[in-house]
């Protein structure tokens, strides 16, 4: 990054508050901060690539990247730069990630195992690569905190000694106490107001451009998120840290806890509540790489009884699949293909997706687990039919399509169509089409807009335009990425393997609805053969 780019970045969100010795020469540490973010962009791009093409190595690389981020104090660096500058930095460094992956592809998938070592060398070695940044960081943090009103820990206002402090997860149990048996909403609101100012403790996380306080416990996160109403700068300074917030609830929470007159206080002297956290915690999703087994160690075909596919209409068309194992248990997940599934890791990290099954007259019954892996104790009827498995090396001949529409005629929406063309010679092509429009409400006001895109072996073409009767603007583009839409396929059991011409390799849970192969279930939905 050159000095002009640094200057533009510095102007993006107003001046950074610096102590005098640093204010005279901000370019060096600012350039290093942006370069550090560029290293993170490159690391993330490489890890994502490896999670797709070499999952076991990708999982190890992901763990080392997170460790590197902690060592590099990346959250602190980004808090100093503030959200607008971070967004600008990441946008300007996007090409770095693309180039890193391109280089990685030339080295082959085996290079993924070297990423943990690379993360200890330049440009990832934080202390030797960015000396001015880390020398300046403590002073920059102090100057910024003082100027923005973020008090140092010693200067935090003290909480009322002996008062109760609740975790964010415990607020669920607390609110339940406020509701009377007759379910009176007014009575619950009165109880909330009577509670006055309360103390809530949790970890500060960032979701897009907003900050929240949550409870995180060993794979669980609170169902409720606390929105403090404090400034972005103040919350960003605490990102990744545990804080105690003193505030008054504005309303009975459903998903977000909205409060008024909030302030971050010193938790010394507060007494932890003994209310249970469990009612307010849910399992967090597991990254696919965490449940991918080592090569050849996934679920064996002889352990599988079958795949139960169920489809029904609710508010919309719903599809679900249960992988039935011969030991009487089932698995509801499909982020990882059966032949890659590390059963032990999955049972440990996502027990809520497991349960028991049994065959009964006319169908099946299941007994699901809760988020803690405890059986519900009650058998319930489970609809569906067993899907046949693929023969090893089986070939298809035909095009299978899935179509969807999101939005409405009034507000506008997007129509999507995705087709997988499978050929008897083992090759495939993906053809995708999307078209969007602004809808009748905008048209009634004299405005219309539309966009479309087409992807195939020829690459991606897209166009967009909009305007009114007097002014119209449009654009179009073409990308030569056709190698990402063609390749070779292999079917075996309940697994579809796609080997793309650009070097990517994917494995997906896949099964035909029936022996006639007219409908396939894959990628979480049904694809129908042309002419069916």
Protein backbone atom coordinates (compact mmCIF):
# COMPACT_ATOMS: atom_id res chain seq x y z
CA UNK A 1 0.00 0.00 0.00
CA UNK A 2 1.45 3.38 -1.02
CA UNK A 3 1.33 6.62 0.99
CA UNK A 4 -1.51 8.04 -1.05
CA UNK A 5 -3.67 4.98 -0.32
CA UNK A 6 -2.79 5.29 3.37
CA UNK A 7 -3.82 8.93 3.33
CA UNK A 8 -7.13 8.11 1.66
CA UNK A 9 -7.75 5.36 4.19
CA UNK A 10 -6.97 7.76 7.02
CA UNK A 11 -9.49 10.24 5.67
CA UNK A 12 -12.21 7.63 5.34
CA UNK A 13 -13.60 8.03 8.83
CA UNK A 14 -12.06 11.18 10.26
CA UNK A 15 -8.81 11.59 12.21
CA UNK A 16 -7.44 8.83 14.43
CA UNK A 17 -6.72 10.20 17.89
CA UNK A 18 -2.97 9.94 18.52
CA UNK A 19 -0.53 11.07 21.18
CA UNK A 20 1.68 13.91 19.93
CA UNK A 21 4.84 11.88 19.06
CA UNK A 22 2.80 9.58 16.81
CA UNK A 23 0.53 12.23 15.31
CA UNK A 24 3.49 13.70 13.44
CA UNK A 25 4.14 10.47 11.50
CA UNK A 26 1.07 8.24 11.35
CA UNK A 27 1.85 6.73 7.94
CA UNK A 28 4.20 3.98 9.13
CA UNK A 29 2.01 2.37 11.78
CA UNK A 30 -1.15 2.88 9.70
CA UNK A 31 0.50 1.19 6.72
CA UNK A 32 1.55 -1.68 8.99
CA UNK A 33 -1.98 -1.98 10.42
CA UNK A 34 -3.45 -2.25 6.92
CA UNK A 35 -0.76 -4.76 5.91
CA UNK A 36 -1.62 -6.87 8.96
CA UNK A 37 -5.26 -6.87 7.87
CA UNK A 38 -4.06 -7.85 4.40
CA UNK A 39 -2.22 -10.81 5.92
CA UNK A 40 -5.46 -11.83 7.65
CA UNK A 41 -7.37 -11.54 4.36
CA UNK A 42 -4.79 -13.80 2.68
CA UNK A 43 -4.86 -16.28 5.56
CA UNK A 44 -8.65 -16.47 5.57
CA UNK A 45 -8.79 -16.98 1.79
CA UNK A 46 -6.21 -19.79 1.91
CA UNK A 47 -7.90 -21.52 4.84
CA UNK A 48 -11.31 -21.41 3.16
CA UNK A 49 -9.81 -22.89 0.00
CA UNK A 50 -8.20 -25.70 1.99
CA UNK A 51 -11.39 -26.40 3.96
CA UNK A 52 -13.02 -27.09 0.57
CA UNK A 53 -10.27 -29.13 -1.11
CA UNK A 54 -8.44 -30.75 1.84
CA UNK A 55 -10.77 -30.68 4.89
CA UNK A 56 -8.47 -32.29 7.52
CA UNK A 57 -5.59 -29.93 6.65
CA UNK A 58 -8.09 -27.08 6.40
CA UNK A 59 -9.33 -27.75 9.93
CA UNK A 60 -5.77 -27.59 11.31
CA UNK A 61 -5.11 -24.40 9.35
CA UNK A 62 -8.34 -22.83 10.69
CA UNK A 63 -7.30 -23.51 14.29
CA UNK A 64 -3.83 -22.04 13.70
CA UNK A 65 -5.28 -18.96 11.95
CA UNK A 66 -7.49 -18.23 14.96
CA UNK A 67 -4.47 -18.60 17.24
CA UNK A 68 -2.52 -16.23 14.99
CA UNK A 69 -5.32 -13.65 15.18
CA UNK A 70 -5.15 -13.75 18.97
CA UNK A 71 -1.36 -13.47 18.98
CA UNK A 72 -1.49 -10.58 16.53
CA UNK A 73 -4.12 -8.77 18.64
CA UNK A 74 -6.12 -8.35 15.44
CA UNK A 75 -9.30 -7.44 17.31
CA UNK A 76 -7.46 -4.63 19.10
CA UNK A 77 -5.90 -3.35 15.89
CA UNK A 78 -9.29 -3.28 14.17
CA UNK A 79 -10.89 -1.56 17.18
CA UNK A 80 -8.26 1.19 16.92
CA UNK A 81 -8.95 1.66 13.21
CA UNK A 82 -12.75 1.58 13.75
CA UNK A 83 -15.31 -0.16 11.49
CA UNK A 84 -15.25 2.20 8.48
CA UNK A 85 -11.48 2.06 8.16
CA UNK A 86 -11.42 -1.71 8.64
CA UNK A 87 -14.01 -2.13 5.88
CA UNK A 88 -11.94 0.10 3.59
CA UNK A 89 -8.76 -1.81 4.43
CA UNK A 90 -10.33 -5.21 3.80
CA UNK A 91 -11.84 -3.99 0.53
CA UNK A 92 -8.50 -2.61 -0.67
CA UNK A 93 -6.78 -5.88 0.26
CA UNK A 94 -9.32 -8.23 -1.38
CA UNK A 95 -6.97 -8.88 -4.29
CA UNK A 96 -4.34 -10.14 -1.83
CA UNK A 97 -6.60 -13.04 -0.90
CA UNK A 98 -7.30 -13.87 -4.53
CA UNK A 99 -3.58 -13.92 -5.37
CA UNK A 100 -2.78 -16.04 -2.29
CA UNK A 101 -5.29 -18.70 -3.33
CA UNK A 102 -4.05 -18.62 -6.94
CA UNK A 103 -0.51 -19.28 -5.70
CA UNK A 104 -1.74 -22.00 -3.36
CA UNK A 105 -3.47 -23.79 -6.24
CA UNK A 106 -0.22 -23.94 -8.19
CA UNK A 107 1.37 -25.78 -5.23
CA UNK A 108 -1.37 -28.42 -5.07
CA UNK A 109 -3.69 -29.51 -2.25
CA UNK A 110 -0.80 -30.97 -0.23
CA UNK A 111 0.39 -27.40 0.42
CA UNK A 112 -2.59 -26.90 2.75
CA UNK A 113 -0.75 -28.82 5.46
CA UNK A 114 2.01 -26.17 5.38
CA UNK A 115 -0.26 -23.23 6.26
CA UNK A 116 0.27 -23.54 10.07
CA UNK A 117 4.02 -23.15 9.44
CA UNK A 118 3.52 -20.23 7.06
CA UNK A 119 1.53 -18.42 9.75
CA UNK A 120 4.74 -18.17 11.80
CA UNK A 121 6.74 -16.58 8.98
CA UNK A 122 6.64 -13.18 7.22
CA UNK A 123 4.26 -11.57 6.38
CA UNK A 124 2.39 -13.26 9.22
CA UNK A 125 5.01 -12.90 11.98
CA UNK A 126 3.41 -9.93 13.78
CA UNK A 127 6.27 -8.70 15.97
CA UNK A 128 9.04 -8.70 13.38
CA UNK A 129 6.84 -7.67 10.48
CA UNK A 130 5.02 -4.74 12.10
CA UNK A 131 7.32 -3.24 14.77
CA UNK A 132 6.03 0.35 14.60
CA UNK A 133 2.42 -0.77 14.93
CA UNK A 134 2.99 -2.84 18.06
CA UNK A 135 5.25 -0.23 19.62
CA UNK A 136 2.56 2.40 19.05
CA UNK A 137 -0.52 0.28 19.82
CA UNK A 138 -0.69 0.78 23.62
CA UNK A 139 -0.36 4.57 23.31
CA UNK A 140 -2.90 4.71 20.48
CA UNK A 141 -5.40 2.67 22.52
CA UNK A 142 -4.99 4.95 25.55
CA UNK A 143 -5.36 8.16 23.53
CA UNK A 144 -8.39 6.86 21.69
CA UNK A 145 -10.04 5.52 24.84
CA UNK A 146 -9.55 8.76 26.76
CA UNK A 147 -10.80 10.94 23.91
CA UNK A 148 -13.88 8.79 23.23
CA UNK A 149 -14.86 8.45 26.85
CA UNK A 150 -13.86 4.79 27.15
CA UNK A 151 -12.43 4.75 30.64
CA UNK A 152 -9.52 2.56 31.63
CA UNK A 153 -10.40 -0.37 33.85
CA UNK A 154 -9.36 1.44 37.00
CA UNK A 155 -11.56 4.40 36.12
CA UNK A 156 -14.73 2.42 35.40
CA UNK A 157 -17.61 3.46 37.64
CA UNK A 158 -18.11 1.01 40.48
CA UNK A 159 -21.21 -1.11 40.65
CA UNK A 160 -23.36 -1.21 43.77
CA UNK A 161 -21.57 -3.60 46.13
CA UNK A 162 -23.60 -6.72 46.87
CA UNK A 163 -25.89 -6.27 43.86
CA UNK A 164 -26.69 -9.28 41.69
CA UNK A 165 -25.04 -9.72 38.30
CA UNK A 166 -26.66 -11.90 35.63
CA UNK A 167 -25.10 -13.50 32.61
CA UNK A 168 -26.90 -12.71 29.37
CA UNK A 169 -28.10 -16.33 29.28
CA UNK A 170 -29.61 -16.01 32.78
CA UNK A 171 -31.87 -13.18 31.63
CA UNK A 172 -34.12 -15.82 30.01
CA UNK A 173 -34.77 -17.41 33.41
CA UNK A 174 -35.13 -13.99 35.05
CA UNK A 175 -37.79 -12.87 32.55
CA UNK A 176 -39.68 -16.14 33.09
CA UNK A 177 -39.87 -15.27 36.79
CA UNK A 178 -41.55 -11.99 35.89
CA UNK A 179 -44.40 -13.70 34.03
CA UNK A 180 -47.29 -14.68 36.36
CA UNK A 181 -49.13 -17.97 35.97
CA UNK A 182 -52.07 -16.26 34.30
CA UNK A 183 -49.74 -15.00 31.56
CA UNK A 184 -50.52 -11.33 32.15
CA UNK A 185 -48.24 -9.20 29.96
CA UNK A 186 -48.96 -6.08 32.03
CA UNK A 187 -47.91 -7.85 35.23
CA UNK A 188 -44.67 -8.99 33.60
CA UNK A 189 -43.90 -5.44 32.47
CA UNK A 190 -44.56 -4.14 35.99
CA UNK A 191 -42.15 -6.73 37.41
CA UNK A 192 -39.51 -5.69 34.87
CA UNK A 193 -39.87 -2.04 35.83
CA UNK A 194 -39.78 -2.89 39.52
CA UNK A 195 -36.40 -4.60 38.98
CA UNK A 196 -34.92 -1.19 38.15
CA UNK A 197 -31.31 -1.07 37.03
CA UNK A 198 -29.74 -4.52 36.75
CA UNK A 199 -26.23 -5.77 35.97
CA UNK A 200 -25.66 -8.02 32.94
CA UNK A 201 -22.33 -9.61 32.09
CA UNK A 202 -21.11 -11.15 28.84
CA UNK A 203 -18.69 -11.06 25.92
CA UNK A 204 -18.75 -8.28 23.32
CA UNK A 205 -19.16 -9.59 19.77
CA UNK A 206 -19.54 -7.85 16.43
CA UNK A 207 -22.35 -8.63 13.98
CA UNK A 208 -21.85 -6.65 10.77
CA UNK A 209 -21.62 -3.02 11.91
CA UNK A 210 -23.23 -3.54 15.34
CA UNK A 211 -21.94 -4.77 18.69
CA UNK A 212 -23.75 -6.98 21.18
CA UNK A 213 -23.07 -8.64 24.52
CA UNK A 214 -23.68 -12.39 24.70
CA UNK A 215 -22.92 -15.46 26.78
CA UNK A 216 -20.62 -18.04 25.18
CA UNK A 217 -20.01 -21.38 26.90
CA UNK A 218 -18.26 -24.39 25.31
CA UNK A 219 -20.15 -24.53 22.03
CA UNK A 220 -23.24 -22.71 23.32
CA UNK A 221 -24.39 -19.12 22.91
CA UNK A 222 -27.17 -17.21 24.62
CA UNK A 223 -30.48 -17.02 22.76
CA UNK A 224 -30.72 -13.36 23.80
CA UNK A 225 -28.25 -10.68 22.69
CA UNK A 226 -27.82 -7.47 24.68
CA UNK A 227 -27.86 -4.20 22.70
CA UNK A 228 -26.35 -1.59 25.01
CA UNK A 229 -27.11 1.53 23.01
CA UNK A 230 -23.56 2.74 23.70
CA UNK A 231 -21.45 4.26 20.93
CA UNK A 232 -19.82 2.07 18.31
CA UNK A 233 -16.41 3.39 19.35
CA UNK A 234 -16.93 2.44 22.99
CA UNK A 235 -18.21 -1.06 22.20
CA UNK A 236 -15.50 -1.68 19.58
CA UNK A 237 -12.86 -1.01 22.24
CA UNK A 238 -14.22 -3.98 24.21
CA UNK A 239 -14.65 -6.41 21.29
CA UNK A 240 -13.80 -9.96 22.38
CA UNK A 241 -13.72 -9.00 26.07
CA UNK A 242 -16.08 -9.64 28.97
CA UNK A 243 -17.91 -6.55 30.20
CA UNK A 244 -20.49 -5.81 32.88
CA UNK A 245 -23.31 -3.51 31.83
CA UNK A 246 -25.56 -1.66 34.26
CA UNK A 247 -28.83 -0.60 32.66
CA UNK A 248 -32.61 -0.63 32.78
CA UNK A 249 -34.58 -2.92 30.46
CA UNK A 250 -36.79 -0.96 28.06
CA UNK A 251 -39.10 -3.86 27.17
CA UNK A 252 -39.56 -7.58 27.72
CA UNK A 253 -36.96 -9.21 25.46
CA UNK A 254 -37.72 -11.71 22.72
CA UNK A 255 -34.48 -11.95 20.73
CA UNK A 256 -32.62 -8.76 21.66
CA UNK A 257 -32.38 -7.14 25.10
CA UNK A 258 -32.93 -3.41 24.58
CA UNK A 259 -31.87 -1.22 27.50
CA UNK A 260 -31.67 2.46 28.42
CA UNK A 261 -29.11 4.55 30.32
CA UNK A 262 -26.47 1.84 29.97
CA UNK A 263 -22.94 2.13 31.28
CA UNK A 264 -20.04 -0.32 31.58
CA UNK A 265 -19.04 -0.78 35.21
CA UNK A 266 -16.42 -2.48 37.34
CA UNK A 267 -17.85 -5.85 38.42
CA UNK A 268 -15.97 -5.93 41.73
CA UNK A 269 -18.34 -6.53 44.63
CA UNK A 270 -21.18 -7.93 42.52
CA UNK A 271 -22.72 -11.28 43.45
CA UNK A 272 -23.32 -13.80 40.59
CA UNK A 273 -26.92 -14.90 40.22
CA UNK A 274 -27.75 -18.54 40.89
CA UNK A 275 -30.42 -18.66 38.18
CA UNK A 276 -29.87 -21.43 35.59
CA UNK A 277 -28.27 -20.57 32.25
CA UNK A 278 -29.40 -23.66 30.39
CA UNK A 279 -32.88 -22.38 29.38
CA UNK A 280 -31.20 -19.43 27.67
CA UNK A 281 -28.45 -21.27 25.78
CA UNK A 282 -28.47 -22.99 22.41
CA UNK A 283 -25.82 -24.89 20.48
CA UNK A 284 -23.81 -22.86 18.01
CA UNK A 285 -23.32 -24.23 14.50
CA UNK A 286 -20.26 -26.33 13.90
CA UNK A 287 -17.93 -25.59 11.00
CA UNK A 288 -17.93 -28.54 8.57
CA UNK A 289 -14.15 -28.86 8.94
CA UNK A 290 -14.63 -29.74 12.63
CA UNK A 291 -16.54 -32.93 11.83
CA UNK A 292 -14.53 -34.12 8.81
CA UNK A 293 -12.67 -37.37 9.44
CA UNK A 294 -9.15 -38.14 8.29
CA UNK A 295 -8.95 -39.62 4.80
CA UNK A 296 -10.58 -43.06 4.71
CA UNK A 297 -11.87 -42.76 8.31
CA UNK A 298 -15.40 -41.51 7.59
CA UNK A 299 -18.65 -43.41 8.03
CA UNK A 300 -18.43 -46.84 6.41
CA UNK A 301 -21.20 -47.94 3.98
CA UNK A 302 -21.78 -51.14 5.96
CA UNK A 303 -22.73 -49.04 9.01
CA UNK A 304 -25.58 -47.30 7.15
CA UNK A 305 -29.12 -48.71 7.08
CA UNK A 306 -30.39 -46.07 4.66
CA UNK A 307 -31.27 -42.43 4.02
CA UNK A 308 -34.79 -41.40 5.04
CA UNK A 309 -36.07 -38.56 2.84
CA UNK A 310 -39.18 -36.65 3.88
CA UNK A 311 -40.88 -33.80 2.00
CA UNK A 312 -44.02 -31.92 3.03
CA UNK A 313 -45.80 -28.57 2.79
CA UNK A 314 -45.85 -26.23 5.77
CA UNK A 315 -45.62 -22.46 5.29
CA UNK A 316 -43.39 -23.49 2.38
CA UNK A 317 -42.07 -26.70 0.86
CA UNK A 318 -39.88 -28.46 3.44
CA UNK A 319 -37.38 -31.27 2.88
CA UNK A 320 -35.45 -33.19 5.53
CA UNK A 321 -33.15 -36.20 5.48
CA UNK A 322 -32.12 -38.56 8.27
CA UNK A 323 -29.16 -40.87 7.85
CA UNK A 324 -30.21 -44.08 9.62
CA UNK A 325 -27.36 -46.15 11.06
CA UNK A 326 -27.54 -49.85 11.82
CA UNK A 327 -26.75 -49.21 15.50
CA UNK A 328 -30.23 -47.65 15.90
CA UNK A 329 -29.11 -44.02 15.84
CA UNK A 330 -29.73 -41.38 13.19
CA UNK A 331 -27.96 -38.22 12.03
CA UNK A 332 -29.88 -35.18 10.75
CA UNK A 333 -26.95 -33.12 9.42
CA UNK A 334 -25.82 -32.89 5.81
CA UNK A 335 -23.00 -30.32 5.77
CA UNK A 336 -20.55 -33.22 5.41
CA UNK A 337 -20.95 -36.23 3.13
CA UNK A 338 -21.35 -39.59 4.92
CA UNK A 339 -17.96 -40.91 3.77
CA UNK A 340 -16.27 -37.86 5.36
CA UNK A 341 -18.28 -37.77 8.59
CA UNK A 342 -16.30 -38.13 11.82
CA UNK A 343 -19.08 -39.75 13.85
CA UNK A 344 -17.38 -39.36 17.23
CA UNK A 345 -16.62 -35.65 16.67
CA UNK A 346 -20.13 -35.00 15.39
CA UNK A 347 -21.79 -36.74 18.37
CA UNK A 348 -19.64 -34.60 20.68
CA UNK A 349 -19.95 -31.22 18.95
CA UNK A 350 -23.51 -31.36 17.57
CA UNK A 351 -25.40 -33.95 19.67
CA UNK A 352 -28.71 -32.21 18.92
CA UNK A 353 -28.52 -33.59 15.37
CA UNK A 354 -28.43 -37.15 16.66
CA UNK A 355 -31.14 -39.41 18.07
CA UNK A 356 -32.57 -42.93 18.00
CA UNK A 357 -34.77 -44.54 15.35
CA UNK A 358 -36.85 -47.66 15.01
CA UNK A 359 -38.99 -49.25 12.33
CA UNK A 360 -42.68 -49.67 13.13
CA UNK A 361 -45.69 -50.85 11.17
CA UNK A 362 -46.15 -48.43 8.30
CA UNK A 363 -42.99 -46.41 8.77
CA UNK A 364 -40.52 -45.11 11.35
CA UNK A 365 -40.33 -43.49 14.76
CA UNK A 366 -37.55 -41.33 16.20
CA UNK A 367 -36.44 -40.10 19.62
CA UNK A 368 -34.48 -36.84 19.17
CA UNK A 369 -31.72 -35.50 21.43
CA UNK A 370 -31.69 -32.02 22.92
CA UNK A 371 -28.77 -29.56 22.64
CA UNK A 372 -26.94 -31.40 25.43
CA UNK A 373 -27.30 -34.83 23.82
CA UNK A 374 -30.02 -35.98 26.21
CA UNK A 375 -32.72 -38.18 24.70
CA UNK A 376 -36.22 -36.69 24.79
CA UNK A 377 -37.58 -39.97 26.15
CA UNK A 378 -40.55 -39.91 23.77
CA UNK A 379 -40.89 -41.71 20.45
CA UNK A 380 -42.63 -39.76 17.67
CA UNK A 381 -43.72 -40.70 14.17
CA UNK A 382 -41.31 -39.74 11.37
CA UNK A 383 -42.57 -39.54 7.81
CA UNK A 384 -40.56 -40.27 4.72
CA UNK A 385 -39.29 -43.02 2.44
CA UNK A 386 -35.90 -44.70 2.20
CA UNK A 387 -33.89 -43.42 -0.76
CA UNK A 388 -31.82 -45.92 -2.71
CA UNK A 389 -28.04 -45.64 -2.57
CA UNK A 390 -25.82 -45.08 -5.61
CA UNK A 391 -23.78 -47.93 -6.97
CA UNK A 392 -20.05 -47.17 -6.91
CA UNK A 393 -19.16 -45.37 -10.13
CA UNK A 394 -22.78 -45.09 -11.30
CA UNK A 395 -23.33 -42.64 -14.18
CA UNK A 396 -26.17 -40.27 -14.96
CA UNK A 397 -27.38 -38.86 -18.25
CA UNK A 398 -29.51 -35.74 -18.00
CA UNK A 399 -29.93 -32.23 -16.64
CA UNK A 400 -31.34 -31.74 -13.14
CA UNK A 401 -32.72 -28.34 -12.13
CA UNK A 402 -33.82 -26.56 -8.96
CA UNK A 403 -35.82 -23.33 -9.13
CA UNK A 404 -36.72 -20.79 -6.47
CA UNK A 405 -38.17 -17.31 -5.99
CA UNK A 406 -37.63 -15.04 -3.01
CA UNK A 407 -39.51 -11.79 -2.48
CA UNK A 408 -42.92 -10.69 -3.80
CA UNK A 409 -44.54 -9.12 -6.84
CA UNK A 410 -45.12 -5.93 -4.83
CA UNK A 411 -41.67 -5.39 -3.31
CA UNK A 412 -39.64 -7.19 -5.94
CA UNK A 413 -37.65 -10.37 -5.73
CA UNK A 414 -35.16 -12.74 -7.29
CA UNK A 415 -35.82 -15.83 -9.41
CA UNK A 416 -33.03 -18.41 -9.43
CA UNK A 417 -32.48 -21.54 -11.47
CA UNK A 418 -29.57 -23.95 -11.01
CA UNK A 419 -28.97 -26.87 -13.35
CA UNK A 420 -26.47 -29.73 -13.03
CA UNK A 421 -25.91 -31.44 -16.37
CA UNK A 422 -24.46 -34.93 -15.73
CA UNK A 423 -23.05 -36.90 -18.67
CA UNK A 424 -22.37 -40.65 -19.05
CA UNK A 425 -18.65 -39.97 -19.57
CA UNK A 426 -18.37 -38.73 -15.97
CA UNK A 427 -18.29 -35.01 -16.75
CA UNK A 428 -20.66 -32.34 -15.45
CA UNK A 429 -21.53 -28.69 -16.01
CA UNK A 430 -23.34 -26.25 -13.73
CA UNK A 431 -25.60 -23.66 -15.35
CA UNK A 432 -26.98 -20.97 -13.10
CA UNK A 433 -29.40 -18.18 -13.89
CA UNK A 434 -30.75 -15.41 -11.68
CA UNK A 435 -33.04 -12.49 -12.46
CA UNK A 436 -34.27 -9.79 -10.10
CA UNK A 437 -36.70 -6.91 -10.35
CA UNK A 438 -37.83 -3.97 -8.23
CA UNK A 439 -41.53 -4.85 -8.06
CA UNK A 440 -44.89 -3.12 -8.57
CA UNK A 441 -44.62 -0.70 -5.63
CA UNK A 442 -41.51 0.92 -7.10
CA UNK A 443 -43.11 0.90 -10.56
CA UNK A 444 -46.14 2.78 -9.20
CA UNK A 445 -43.75 5.55 -8.20
CA UNK A 446 -42.18 5.71 -11.64
CA UNK A 447 -39.04 3.67 -10.87
CA UNK A 448 -37.94 0.27 -12.12
CA UNK A 449 -34.77 -1.76 -11.82
CA UNK A 450 -33.65 -5.21 -12.87
CA UNK A 451 -30.59 -7.42 -12.86
CA UNK A 452 -29.62 -10.79 -14.28
CA UNK A 453 -26.67 -13.17 -14.31
CA UNK A 454 -25.77 -16.38 -16.12
CA UNK A 455 -23.01 -18.80 -15.15
CA UNK A 456 -21.81 -21.74 -17.25
CA UNK A 457 -18.66 -23.28 -18.69
CA UNK A 458 -18.26 -20.05 -20.67
CA UNK A 459 -17.94 -18.00 -17.47
CA UNK A 460 -20.24 -15.48 -15.80
CA UNK A 461 -22.11 -12.64 -17.49
CA UNK A 462 -24.19 -10.16 -15.55
CA UNK A 463 -26.13 -6.97 -16.19
CA UNK A 464 -28.08 -4.47 -14.11
CA UNK A 465 -29.97 -1.27 -14.70
CA UNK A 466 -32.57 1.05 -13.29
CA UNK A 467 -34.17 4.43 -13.50
CA UNK A 468 -37.34 6.36 -14.19
CA UNK A 469 -38.94 7.88 -17.23
CA UNK A 470 -36.29 10.57 -17.44
CA UNK A 471 -33.05 8.90 -16.36
CA UNK A 472 -31.79 5.35 -16.81
CA UNK A 473 -28.41 3.81 -16.02
CA UNK A 474 -27.11 0.34 -16.69
CA UNK A 475 -23.98 -1.82 -16.61
CA UNK A 476 -22.77 -5.23 -17.69
CA UNK A 477 -19.77 -7.43 -16.98
CA UNK A 478 -18.22 -10.74 -17.93
CA UNK A 479 -15.92 -12.95 -15.84
CA UNK A 480 -13.82 -15.76 -17.24
CA UNK A 481 -14.50 -18.24 -14.41
CA UNK A 482 -15.95 -21.08 -16.43
CA UNK A 483 -13.50 -23.61 -14.93
CA UNK A 484 -15.48 -23.32 -11.69
CA UNK A 485 -18.59 -24.67 -13.41
CA UNK A 486 -17.28 -27.85 -15.06
CA UNK A 487 -15.46 -30.96 -13.98
CA UNK A 488 -15.77 -34.69 -13.21
CA UNK A 489 -18.26 -36.39 -10.88
CA UNK A 490 -18.34 -39.67 -8.97
CA UNK A 491 -21.27 -41.35 -7.18
CA UNK A 492 -20.97 -43.91 -4.42
CA UNK A 493 -23.39 -44.78 -1.62
CA UNK A 494 -24.93 -41.49 -0.54
CA UNK A 495 -22.01 -39.31 -1.66
CA UNK A 496 -21.56 -37.15 -4.75
CA UNK A 497 -17.95 -36.07 -5.39
CA UNK A 498 -17.38 -33.08 -7.67
CA UNK A 499 -13.88 -32.42 -8.99
CA UNK A 500 -13.84 -28.99 -10.62
CA UNK A 501 -11.56 -27.95 -13.48
CA UNK A 502 -10.26 -25.09 -11.31
CA UNK A 503 -8.84 -27.55 -8.75
CA UNK A 504 -11.61 -27.51 -6.15
CA UNK A 505 -13.00 -30.77 -4.83
CA UNK A 506 -16.36 -31.10 -3.05
CA UNK A 507 -18.22 -33.98 -1.49
CA UNK A 508 -21.97 -33.70 -0.95
CA UNK A 509 -24.68 -35.88 0.51
CA UNK A 510 -26.75 -36.98 -2.49
CA UNK A 511 -29.41 -39.57 -3.23
CA UNK A 512 -32.12 -40.29 -5.84
CA UNK A 513 -35.71 -40.22 -4.71
CA UNK A 514 -36.34 -43.54 -6.42
CA UNK A 515 -34.91 -46.09 -8.82
CA UNK A 516 -36.05 -44.13 -11.91
CA UNK A 517 -33.51 -41.36 -11.06
CA UNK A 518 -35.99 -38.64 -12.08
CA UNK A 519 -35.37 -36.59 -8.92
CA UNK A 520 -32.18 -36.15 -6.93
CA UNK A 521 -31.74 -34.76 -3.43
CA UNK A 522 -28.51 -32.79 -3.04
CA UNK A 523 -27.33 -29.45 -1.69
CA UNK A 524 -30.28 -29.45 0.70
CA UNK A 525 -33.02 -29.56 -1.94
CA UNK A 526 -34.51 -31.60 -4.78
CA UNK A 527 -33.33 -31.29 -8.38
CA UNK A 528 -35.74 -32.53 -11.07
CA UNK A 529 -34.65 -34.07 -14.36
CA UNK A 530 -35.60 -32.17 -17.51
CA UNK A 531 -38.72 -33.65 -19.10
CA UNK A 532 -40.07 -35.07 -15.83
